[in-house]
């Protein structure tokens, strides 16, 4: 499992970090942490376009996206 901690970052940085993780670890589960709804939505949309299944969990004021 690969973790991308993009909390506190604004788009496009969380999307770029997630895309790099997908390219580097295409067959592994990736967990992405973001701290607001806009990066959550953008990372989810980009990941789904690349064929990933996305599960989102709220953790306090943050979001954890699990990409499979």
N, C-alpha and C. Protein backbone atom coordinates (compact mmCIF):
# COMPACT_ATOMS: atom_id res chain seq x y z
N UNK A 1 0.84 -1.18 0.00
CA UNK A 1 0.00 0.00 0.00
C UNK A 1 0.88 1.24 0.00
N UNK A 2 0.50 2.19 -0.83
CA UNK A 2 1.22 3.45 -0.97
C UNK A 2 0.35 4.55 -0.39
N UNK A 3 0.95 5.47 0.37
CA UNK A 3 0.17 6.58 0.94
C UNK A 3 0.70 7.89 0.38
N UNK A 4 -0.24 8.73 -0.06
CA UNK A 4 0.08 10.07 -0.54
C UNK A 4 -0.57 11.04 0.44
N UNK A 5 0.24 11.80 1.15
CA UNK A 5 -0.28 12.77 2.11
C UNK A 5 -0.29 14.14 1.45
N UNK A 6 -1.47 14.54 0.97
CA UNK A 6 -1.61 15.82 0.29
C UNK A 6 -2.43 16.80 1.12
N UNK A 7 -2.50 16.55 2.43
CA UNK A 7 -3.24 17.47 3.30
C UNK A 7 -2.59 18.84 3.29
N UNK A 8 -3.43 19.87 3.22
CA UNK A 8 -2.93 21.23 3.21
C UNK A 8 -2.52 21.74 1.85
N UNK A 9 -2.50 20.87 0.85
CA UNK A 9 -2.13 21.29 -0.50
C UNK A 9 -3.37 21.63 -1.31
N UNK A 10 -3.20 22.56 -2.23
CA UNK A 10 -4.30 22.96 -3.10
C UNK A 10 -4.06 22.40 -4.49
N UNK A 11 -5.15 22.21 -5.22
CA UNK A 11 -5.04 21.68 -6.58
C UNK A 11 -4.23 22.65 -7.44
N UNK A 12 -3.42 22.11 -8.32
CA UNK A 12 -3.42 20.73 -8.80
C UNK A 12 -2.45 19.80 -8.06
N UNK A 13 -1.80 20.25 -7.00
CA UNK A 13 -0.77 19.42 -6.36
C UNK A 13 -1.26 18.04 -5.92
N UNK A 14 -2.42 17.91 -5.21
CA UNK A 14 -2.86 16.56 -4.82
C UNK A 14 -3.09 15.65 -6.03
N UNK A 15 -3.62 16.20 -7.10
CA UNK A 15 -3.86 15.41 -8.31
C UNK A 15 -2.53 14.97 -8.92
N UNK A 16 -1.56 15.87 -8.97
CA UNK A 16 -0.26 15.54 -9.56
C UNK A 16 0.46 14.47 -8.73
N UNK A 17 0.41 14.59 -7.39
CA UNK A 17 1.05 13.60 -6.53
C UNK A 17 0.38 12.24 -6.67
N UNK A 18 -0.95 12.25 -6.77
CA UNK A 18 -1.68 10.99 -6.93
C UNK A 18 -1.38 10.35 -8.27
N UNK A 19 -1.35 11.14 -9.31
CA UNK A 19 -1.04 10.63 -10.65
C UNK A 19 0.36 10.01 -10.67
N UNK A 20 1.31 10.65 -10.03
CA UNK A 20 2.67 10.10 -9.97
C UNK A 20 2.67 8.76 -9.24
N UNK A 21 1.90 8.65 -8.16
CA UNK A 21 1.82 7.40 -7.41
C UNK A 21 1.18 6.30 -8.24
N UNK A 22 0.14 6.65 -9.00
CA UNK A 22 -0.53 5.66 -9.87
C UNK A 22 0.46 5.15 -10.93
N UNK A 23 1.22 6.06 -11.52
CA UNK A 23 2.18 5.66 -12.55
C UNK A 23 3.30 4.82 -11.97
N UNK A 24 3.76 5.16 -10.77
CA UNK A 24 4.88 4.45 -10.15
C UNK A 24 4.47 3.10 -9.55
N UNK A 25 3.22 3.02 -9.09
CA UNK A 25 2.72 1.80 -8.44
C UNK A 25 1.37 1.41 -9.04
N UNK A 26 1.32 1.04 -10.32
CA UNK A 26 0.04 0.84 -11.01
C UNK A 26 -0.82 -0.29 -10.44
N UNK A 27 -0.22 -1.28 -9.82
CA UNK A 27 -1.00 -2.42 -9.35
C UNK A 27 -1.17 -2.45 -7.84
N UNK A 28 -0.78 -1.39 -7.15
CA UNK A 28 -0.88 -1.36 -5.69
C UNK A 28 -2.04 -0.48 -5.25
N UNK A 29 -2.54 -0.77 -4.04
CA UNK A 29 -3.55 0.09 -3.43
C UNK A 29 -2.86 1.40 -3.05
N UNK A 30 -3.54 2.51 -3.32
CA UNK A 30 -3.00 3.83 -2.99
C UNK A 30 -4.01 4.53 -2.10
N UNK A 31 -3.53 5.09 -1.00
CA UNK A 31 -4.38 5.88 -0.13
C UNK A 31 -3.91 7.32 -0.20
N UNK A 32 -4.87 8.21 -0.43
CA UNK A 32 -4.57 9.63 -0.59
C UNK A 32 -5.30 10.39 0.51
N UNK A 33 -4.55 11.22 1.24
CA UNK A 33 -5.13 12.05 2.28
C UNK A 33 -5.20 13.48 1.78
N UNK A 34 -6.39 14.07 1.86
CA UNK A 34 -6.58 15.48 1.48
C UNK A 34 -7.39 16.17 2.56
N UNK A 35 -7.31 17.49 2.59
CA UNK A 35 -7.94 18.21 3.69
C UNK A 35 -9.13 19.07 3.29
N UNK A 36 -9.58 18.95 2.04
CA UNK A 36 -10.78 19.69 1.66
C UNK A 36 -11.51 18.99 0.51
N UNK A 37 -12.72 19.46 0.24
CA UNK A 37 -13.58 18.80 -0.73
C UNK A 37 -13.11 18.96 -2.17
N UNK A 38 -12.52 20.08 -2.52
CA UNK A 38 -12.12 20.29 -3.91
C UNK A 38 -11.03 19.30 -4.33
N UNK A 39 -9.94 19.16 -3.57
CA UNK A 39 -8.96 18.13 -3.96
C UNK A 39 -9.55 16.73 -3.91
N UNK A 40 -10.44 16.48 -2.95
CA UNK A 40 -11.10 15.16 -2.87
C UNK A 40 -11.80 14.85 -4.18
N UNK A 41 -12.60 15.79 -4.65
CA UNK A 41 -13.36 15.58 -5.88
C UNK A 41 -12.45 15.46 -7.10
N UNK A 42 -11.41 16.28 -7.16
CA UNK A 42 -10.51 16.25 -8.32
C UNK A 42 -9.69 14.96 -8.36
N UNK A 43 -9.19 14.51 -7.21
CA UNK A 43 -8.44 13.26 -7.17
C UNK A 43 -9.35 12.09 -7.53
N UNK A 44 -10.59 12.11 -7.01
CA UNK A 44 -11.54 11.04 -7.33
C UNK A 44 -11.81 10.98 -8.83
N UNK A 45 -12.09 12.12 -9.44
CA UNK A 45 -12.41 12.18 -10.87
C UNK A 45 -11.23 11.69 -11.71
N UNK A 46 -10.03 12.18 -11.41
CA UNK A 46 -8.85 11.77 -12.17
C UNK A 46 -8.58 10.27 -12.02
N UNK A 47 -8.75 9.75 -10.82
CA UNK A 47 -8.48 8.33 -10.57
C UNK A 47 -9.47 7.44 -11.31
N UNK A 48 -10.73 7.82 -11.30
CA UNK A 48 -11.75 7.04 -12.00
C UNK A 48 -11.51 7.05 -13.50
N UNK A 49 -11.03 8.18 -14.05
CA UNK A 49 -10.72 8.24 -15.48
C UNK A 49 -9.60 7.29 -15.85
N UNK A 50 -8.78 6.94 -14.87
CA UNK A 50 -7.67 6.01 -15.11
C UNK A 50 -8.02 4.59 -14.68
N UNK A 51 -9.31 4.33 -14.48
CA UNK A 51 -9.77 2.98 -14.24
C UNK A 51 -9.68 2.50 -12.80
N UNK A 52 -9.45 3.41 -11.86
CA UNK A 52 -9.35 3.03 -10.45
C UNK A 52 -10.72 3.08 -9.78
N UNK A 53 -10.93 2.15 -8.86
CA UNK A 53 -12.11 2.23 -7.99
C UNK A 53 -11.72 3.09 -6.81
N UNK A 54 -12.63 3.98 -6.41
CA UNK A 54 -12.31 4.94 -5.35
C UNK A 54 -13.31 4.81 -4.21
N UNK A 55 -12.78 4.68 -3.00
CA UNK A 55 -13.58 4.69 -1.78
C UNK A 55 -13.13 5.89 -0.97
N UNK A 56 -14.11 6.65 -0.44
CA UNK A 56 -13.79 7.85 0.32
C UNK A 56 -14.30 7.71 1.74
N UNK A 57 -13.43 8.03 2.70
CA UNK A 57 -13.81 8.03 4.12
C UNK A 57 -13.44 9.38 4.72
N UNK A 58 -14.36 9.93 5.52
CA UNK A 58 -14.06 11.16 6.24
C UNK A 58 -13.33 10.82 7.52
N UNK A 59 -12.27 11.55 7.80
CA UNK A 59 -11.51 11.37 9.03
C UNK A 59 -11.36 12.73 9.67
N UNK A 60 -12.30 13.07 10.55
CA UNK A 60 -12.30 14.42 11.13
C UNK A 60 -12.60 15.41 10.02
N UNK A 61 -11.69 16.36 9.83
CA UNK A 61 -11.88 17.35 8.76
C UNK A 61 -11.15 16.95 7.48
N UNK A 62 -10.51 15.78 7.49
CA UNK A 62 -9.77 15.29 6.32
C UNK A 62 -10.55 14.19 5.61
N UNK A 63 -10.06 13.82 4.42
CA UNK A 63 -10.65 12.74 3.64
C UNK A 63 -9.55 11.75 3.27
N UNK A 64 -9.87 10.46 3.34
CA UNK A 64 -8.96 9.40 2.90
C UNK A 64 -9.59 8.72 1.69
N UNK A 65 -8.92 8.82 0.55
CA UNK A 65 -9.37 8.15 -0.67
C UNK A 65 -8.53 6.90 -0.85
N UNK A 66 -9.21 5.78 -1.03
CA UNK A 66 -8.52 4.52 -1.27
C UNK A 66 -8.74 4.15 -2.72
N UNK A 67 -7.64 4.00 -3.45
CA UNK A 67 -7.71 3.69 -4.89
C UNK A 67 -7.26 2.26 -5.11
N UNK A 68 -8.10 1.50 -5.79
CA UNK A 68 -7.77 0.11 -6.14
C UNK A 68 -7.87 -0.06 -7.65
